[in-house]
Structure formats: structure tokens, C-alpha cells
Amino acid sequence: MAPTPCPARGAIVTYLNPDVMHPTVYVRGIVTGPHVVDPQTGHEWVPVMRPDRTTSVLDTANIVNVRVPKRRPEPGHGGR
């Protein structure tokens, strides 16, 4: 399996649900901070706010899709 690029803060990620007993296979969350690297495995982990508003630290190997939200223009700039 190819390594998953580490998503930046604000990215919306879809990942495999680590709770194998839960009926939902995939879960979406928002990356809330910078990644950390596990020194033993080299895996990158990111903090993710889950749909129930709890925060979980997620191994990026479980991420199956990343969406980067579009940035809005700064007030007063209007994108011109």
C-alpha cells in the first residue's frame, strides 16, 4: 500500500473506522493540528475531530480520502 500523504490542518478526511464492532465502516473528520511521527514505526498520526466532536489521533495509513476546503477571500479583498 502506498503511503498516505499527511493532510494539513482543516482538511476533511475519510478514514477506516478503527472500531471494528461499529456498523459504520468509514468515518469523516477534520484535521485539527500538525502531524506527529511515531519514532518506532515511522507512521504519521494526525489529530482529527470526529463527527461527535471528540478528538482522536489517527494513523494516516487509515485515511482513504482527503478533501482540502476552498479558501475564502479575505474580507475587503474580494479576490480581485
C-alpha atoms as a PDB file:
ATOM      1  CA  MET A   1       0.000   0.000   0.000  1.00  0.00           C
ATOM      2  CA  ALA A   2       1.358   3.440  -0.937  1.00  0.00           C
ATOM      3  CA  PRO A   3       1.976   5.825   1.951  1.00  0.00           C
ATOM      4  CA  THR A   4      -0.799   8.345   2.546  1.00  0.00           C
ATOM      5  CA  PRO A   5       0.287  11.975   2.289  1.00  0.00           C
ATOM      6  CA  CYS A   6      -0.109  13.753   5.598  1.00  0.00           C
ATOM      7  CA  PRO A   7      -3.103  16.108   5.374  1.00  0.00           C
ATOM      8  CA  ALA A   8      -2.859  19.675   6.672  1.00  0.00           C
ATOM      9  CA  ARG A   9      -4.991  21.343   9.334  1.00  0.00           C
ATOM     10  CA  GLY A  10      -8.538  21.927   8.099  1.00  0.00           C
ATOM     11  CA  ALA A  11      -8.536  19.008   5.646  1.00  0.00           C
ATOM     12  CA  ILE A  12     -11.606  16.789   5.667  1.00  0.00           C
ATOM     13  CA  VAL A  13     -10.547  13.156   5.826  1.00  0.00           C
ATOM     14  CA  THR A  14     -12.446   9.926   5.297  1.00  0.00           C
ATOM     15  CA  TYR A  15     -10.861   7.022   7.132  1.00  0.00           C
ATOM     16  CA  LEU A  16     -11.459   3.421   8.106  1.00  0.00           C
ATOM     17  CA  ASN A  17     -13.317   3.237  11.394  1.00  0.00           C
ATOM     18  CA  PRO A  18     -10.928   1.776  13.980  1.00  0.00           C
ATOM     19  CA  ASP A  19     -13.920   0.399  15.916  1.00  0.00           C
ATOM     20  CA  VAL A  20     -14.396  -2.916  14.101  1.00  0.00           C
ATOM     21  CA  MET A  21     -17.609  -3.635  16.014  1.00  0.00           C
ATOM     22  CA  HIS A  22     -19.269  -0.417  14.800  1.00  0.00           C
ATOM     23  CA  PRO A  23     -21.576  -0.807  11.766  1.00  0.00           C
ATOM     24  CA  THR A  24     -20.104   2.259  10.023  1.00  0.00           C
ATOM     25  CA  VAL A  25     -17.025   1.260   8.011  1.00  0.00           C
ATOM     26  CA  TYR A  26     -15.871   4.773   7.060  1.00  0.00           C
ATOM     27  CA  VAL A  27     -15.873   7.920   9.199  1.00  0.00           C
ATOM     28  CA  ARG A  28     -15.206  11.552   8.290  1.00  0.00           C
ATOM     29  CA  GLY A  29     -13.376  14.072  10.420  1.00  0.00           C
ATOM     30  CA  ILE A  30     -11.454  17.333  10.256  1.00  0.00           C
ATOM     31  CA  VAL A  31      -7.709  17.522  10.845  1.00  0.00           C
ATOM     32  CA  THR A  32      -7.206  19.928  13.753  1.00  0.00           C
ATOM     33  CA  GLY A  33      -3.447  20.185  14.106  1.00  0.00           C
ATOM     34  CA  PRO A  34       0.015  19.190  12.925  1.00  0.00           C
ATOM     35  CA  HIS A  35       1.054  15.580  12.466  1.00  0.00           C
ATOM     36  CA  VAL A  36       3.398  13.625  14.719  1.00  0.00           C
ATOM     37  CA  VAL A  37       5.617  10.714  13.743  1.00  0.00           C
ATOM     38  CA  ASP A  38       5.774   7.502  15.739  1.00  0.00           C
ATOM     39  CA  PRO A  39       9.534   7.029  16.296  1.00  0.00           C
ATOM     40  CA  GLN A  40       9.264   3.227  16.335  1.00  0.00           C
ATOM     41  CA  THR A  41       7.172   2.698  13.204  1.00  0.00           C
ATOM     42  CA  GLY A  42       7.686   5.924  11.255  1.00  0.00           C
ATOM     43  CA  HIS A  43       3.883   6.225  10.821  1.00  0.00           C
ATOM     44  CA  GLU A  44       2.440   9.723  10.729  1.00  0.00           C
ATOM     45  CA  TRP A  45      -0.510  10.466  13.016  1.00  0.00           C
ATOM     46  CA  VAL A  46      -2.869  13.468  12.903  1.00  0.00           C
ATOM     47  CA  PRO A  47      -5.403  14.819  15.411  1.00  0.00           C
ATOM     48  CA  VAL A  48      -8.925  14.558  13.965  1.00  0.00           C
ATOM     49  CA  MET A  49     -12.186  15.996  15.268  1.00  0.00           C
ATOM     50  CA  ARG A  50     -14.765  13.259  14.819  1.00  0.00           C
ATOM     51  CA  PRO A  51     -18.475  13.733  13.989  1.00  0.00           C
ATOM     52  CA  ASP A  52     -19.368  13.538  17.705  1.00  0.00           C
ATOM     53  CA  ARG A  53     -16.903  16.434  18.316  1.00  0.00           C
ATOM     54  CA  THR A  54     -14.405  14.286  20.198  1.00  0.00           C
ATOM     55  CA  THR A  55     -10.773  14.354  19.127  1.00  0.00           C
ATOM     56  CA  SER A  56      -8.877  11.253  18.136  1.00  0.00           C
ATOM     57  CA  VAL A  57      -5.306  10.750  16.954  1.00  0.00           C
ATOM     58  CA  LEU A  58      -5.451   8.889  13.653  1.00  0.00           C
ATOM     59  CA  ASP A  59      -2.790   6.855  11.851  1.00  0.00           C
ATOM     60  CA  THR A  60      -2.625   8.327   8.340  1.00  0.00           C
ATOM     61  CA  ALA A  61      -2.418   4.776   6.949  1.00  0.00           C
ATOM     62  CA  ASN A  62      -6.178   4.505   7.673  1.00  0.00           C
ATOM     63  CA  ILE A  63      -7.066   7.580   5.581  1.00  0.00           C
ATOM     64  CA  VAL A  64      -8.786   6.698   2.306  1.00  0.00           C
ATOM     65  CA  ASN A  65      -9.689  10.196   1.036  1.00  0.00           C
ATOM     66  CA  VAL A  66      -8.603  13.796   1.704  1.00  0.00           C
ATOM     67  CA  ARG A  67     -10.519  16.923   0.714  1.00  0.00           C
ATOM     68  CA  VAL A  68      -8.948  20.328   1.160  1.00  0.00           C
ATOM     69  CA  PRO A  69     -11.603  23.004   1.674  1.00  0.00           C
ATOM     70  CA  LYS A  70     -11.504  26.012  -0.648  1.00  0.00           C
ATOM     71  CA  ARG A  71     -10.220  29.168   0.981  1.00  0.00           C
ATOM     72  CA  ARG A  72     -12.485  32.174   1.095  1.00  0.00           C
ATOM     73  CA  PRO A  73     -11.053  35.563   0.105  1.00  0.00           C
ATOM     74  CA  GLU A  74     -10.076  37.817   2.991  1.00  0.00           C
ATOM     75  CA  PRO A  75     -12.682  40.458   3.855  1.00  0.00           C
ATOM     76  CA  GLY A  76     -12.073  43.589   1.821  1.00  0.00           C
ATOM     77  CA  HIS A  77     -10.020  41.803  -0.859  1.00  0.00           C
ATOM     78  CA  GLY A  78     -12.895  40.242  -2.802  1.00  0.00           C
ATOM     79  CA  GLY A  79     -10.470  38.026  -4.686  1.00  0.00           C
ATOM     80  CA  ARG A  80      -9.733  40.742  -7.241  1.00  0.00           C
END
